[in-house]
Amino acid sequence: MNELLFVAMVTDIAVGAYLSDRAFLIFGQSVINMEISIKLGVAQIDPYPDAGSSSVCTSADGSTTVPCFDLDICFSYFNSRISTISE
């Protein structure tokens, strides 16, 4: 299985209006860290597989055969800076 791993740590954002010639940059602090993993079940996707191939599925309406493959997407996160709020 081929795997891609993405780690997102976006904390800042720029906000502006199209014709205003103004923009604001808002600096933030990361609250959570997110990790995205994408696993593809085949080494190469064949858009025109043979009819007897295991990578052929039937469309939802049953009228045509279409290529198919397994795809696993996993989102995981953990908080790094959230503290318990006490009164």
C-alpha atoms as a PDB file:
ATOM      1  CA  MET A   1       0.000   0.000   0.000  1.00  0.00           C
ATOM      2  CA  ASN A   2       1.369   3.443  -0.903  1.00  0.00           C
ATOM      3  CA  GLU A   3       1.122   6.020   1.850  1.00  0.00           C
ATOM      4  CA  LEU A   4       1.205   9.821   1.963  1.00  0.00           C
ATOM      5  CA  LEU A   5       1.499  11.654   5.260  1.00  0.00           C
ATOM      6  CA  PHE A   6       0.530  15.290   5.773  1.00  0.00           C
ATOM      7  CA  VAL A   7       1.150  17.239   8.950  1.00  0.00           C
ATOM      8  CA  ALA A   8      -0.740  20.526   9.215  1.00  0.00           C
ATOM      9  CA  MET A   9       0.452  23.235  11.566  1.00  0.00           C
ATOM     10  CA  VAL A  10      -1.241  26.387  10.267  1.00  0.00           C
ATOM     11  CA  THR A  11      -1.438  29.143  12.853  1.00  0.00           C
ATOM     12  CA  ASP A  12      -1.565  32.458  10.944  1.00  0.00           C
ATOM     13  CA  ILE A  13      -4.161  33.760   8.499  1.00  0.00           C
ATOM     14  CA  ALA A  14      -4.351  36.760   6.176  1.00  0.00           C
ATOM     15  CA  VAL A  15      -7.749  38.423   5.697  1.00  0.00           C
ATOM     16  CA  GLY A  16      -8.553  41.119   3.150  1.00  0.00           C
ATOM     17  CA  ALA A  17     -11.161  42.493   0.780  1.00  0.00           C
ATOM     18  CA  TYR A  18     -10.748  42.189  -2.977  1.00  0.00           C
ATOM     19  CA  LEU A  19     -10.764  45.900  -3.946  1.00  0.00           C
ATOM     20  CA  SER A  20      -9.849  47.562  -0.635  1.00  0.00           C
ATOM     21  CA  ASP A  21      -6.027  47.511  -0.904  1.00  0.00           C
ATOM     22  CA  ARG A  22      -5.984  46.411   2.714  1.00  0.00           C
ATOM     23  CA  ALA A  23      -5.206  43.135   4.420  1.00  0.00           C
ATOM     24  CA  PHE A  24      -4.813  42.024   8.005  1.00  0.00           C
ATOM     25  CA  LEU A  25      -2.473  39.324   9.175  1.00  0.00           C
ATOM     26  CA  ILE A  26      -3.794  37.559  12.229  1.00  0.00           C
ATOM     27  CA  PHE A  27      -1.170  35.677  14.202  1.00  0.00           C
ATOM     28  CA  GLY A  28      -2.403  32.679  16.088  1.00  0.00           C
ATOM     29  CA  GLN A  29      -1.125  30.006  18.347  1.00  0.00           C
ATOM     30  CA  SER A  30      -1.633  26.367  17.453  1.00  0.00           C
ATOM     31  CA  VAL A  31      -4.268  24.675  19.559  1.00  0.00           C
ATOM     32  CA  ILE A  32      -4.197  21.255  17.967  1.00  0.00           C
ATOM     33  CA  ASN A  33      -1.769  19.420  15.745  1.00  0.00           C
ATOM     34  CA  MET A  34      -3.334  17.424  12.928  1.00  0.00           C
ATOM     35  CA  GLU A  35      -1.888  14.510  11.009  1.00  0.00           C
ATOM     36  CA  ILE A  36      -3.486  13.198   7.800  1.00  0.00           C
ATOM     37  CA  SER A  37      -2.534   9.837   6.370  1.00  0.00           C
ATOM     38  CA  ILE A  38      -3.647   8.688   2.894  1.00  0.00           C
ATOM     39  CA  LYS A  39      -3.057   5.066   1.873  1.00  0.00           C
ATOM     40  CA  LEU A  40      -3.689   3.922  -1.691  1.00  0.00           C
ATOM     41  CA  GLY A  41      -4.270   0.174  -2.135  1.00  0.00           C
ATOM     42  CA  VAL A  42      -2.534  -0.102  -5.507  1.00  0.00           C
ATOM     43  CA  ALA A  43       0.817   1.037  -6.868  1.00  0.00           C
ATOM     44  CA  GLN A  44      -0.763   2.478 -10.015  1.00  0.00           C
ATOM     45  CA  ILE A  45      -4.376   3.248 -10.949  1.00  0.00           C
ATOM     46  CA  ASP A  46      -5.387   1.745 -14.290  1.00  0.00           C
ATOM     47  CA  PRO A  47      -8.190   3.857 -15.818  1.00  0.00           C
ATOM     48  CA  TYR A  48      -9.005   1.063 -18.325  1.00  0.00           C
ATOM     49  CA  PRO A  49      -8.632  -2.260 -16.481  1.00  0.00           C
ATOM     50  CA  ASP A  50      -9.438  -5.611 -18.131  1.00  0.00           C
ATOM     51  CA  ALA A  51     -12.917  -7.003 -17.464  1.00  0.00           C
ATOM     52  CA  GLY A  52     -11.524  -9.944 -15.460  1.00  0.00           C
ATOM     53  CA  SER A  53      -9.302  -7.767 -13.316  1.00  0.00           C
ATOM     54  CA  SER A  54      -9.848  -7.479  -9.559  1.00  0.00           C
ATOM     55  CA  SER A  55      -9.772  -3.693  -9.947  1.00  0.00           C
ATOM     56  CA  VAL A  56     -13.093  -3.596 -11.844  1.00  0.00           C
ATOM     57  CA  CYS A  57     -16.351  -2.708 -10.100  1.00  0.00           C
ATOM     58  CA  THR A  58     -19.881  -2.185 -11.347  1.00  0.00           C
ATOM     59  CA  SER A  59     -21.325   1.333 -11.253  1.00  0.00           C
ATOM     60  CA  ALA A  60     -24.090   2.115  -8.762  1.00  0.00           C
ATOM     61  CA  ASP A  61     -26.823   1.731 -11.395  1.00  0.00           C
ATOM     62  CA  GLY A  62     -25.269  -1.508 -12.687  1.00  0.00           C
ATOM     63  CA  SER A  63     -24.990  -0.307 -16.272  1.00  0.00           C
ATOM     64  CA  THR A  64     -21.204  -0.022 -16.651  1.00  0.00           C
ATOM     65  CA  THR A  65     -17.982  -1.317 -15.202  1.00  0.00           C
ATOM     66  CA  VAL A  66     -15.634   1.198 -13.659  1.00  0.00           C
ATOM     67  CA  PRO A  67     -12.097   1.032 -12.250  1.00  0.00           C
ATOM     68  CA  CYS A  68     -11.910   0.764  -8.478  1.00  0.00           C
ATOM     69  CA  PHE A  69      -9.230   0.722  -5.766  1.00  0.00           C
ATOM     70  CA  ASP A  70      -8.964   0.916  -1.998  1.00  0.00           C
ATOM     71  CA  LEU A  71      -8.252   4.279  -0.405  1.00  0.00           C
ATOM     72  CA  ASP A  72      -7.829   4.762   3.343  1.00  0.00           C
ATOM     73  CA  ILE A  73      -7.833   8.300   4.753  1.00  0.00           C
ATOM     74  CA  CYS A  74      -7.094   8.819   8.427  1.00  0.00           C
ATOM     75  CA  PHE A  75      -7.303  12.108  10.340  1.00  0.00           C
ATOM     76  CA  SER A  76      -5.721  12.229  13.764  1.00  0.00           C
ATOM     77  CA  TYR A  77      -5.108  15.144  16.059  1.00  0.00           C
ATOM     78  CA  PHE A  78      -3.777  15.949  19.479  1.00  0.00           C
ATOM     79  CA  ASN A  79      -3.890  19.099  21.516  1.00  0.00           C
ATOM     80  CA  SER A  80      -0.578  20.600  22.442  1.00  0.00           C
ATOM     81  CA  ARG A  81      -1.464  23.791  24.255  1.00  0.00           C
ATOM     82  CA  ILE A  82      -4.939  23.401  25.716  1.00  0.00           C
ATOM     83  CA  SER A  83      -4.848  23.673  29.480  1.00  0.00           C
ATOM     84  CA  THR A  84      -7.601  23.043  31.975  1.00  0.00           C
ATOM     85  CA  ILE A  85      -9.515  26.214  32.869  1.00  0.00           C
ATOM     86  CA  SER A  86      -9.957  26.577  36.616  1.00  0.00           C
ATOM     87  CA  GLU A  87     -12.277  28.960  38.414  1.00  0.00           C
END
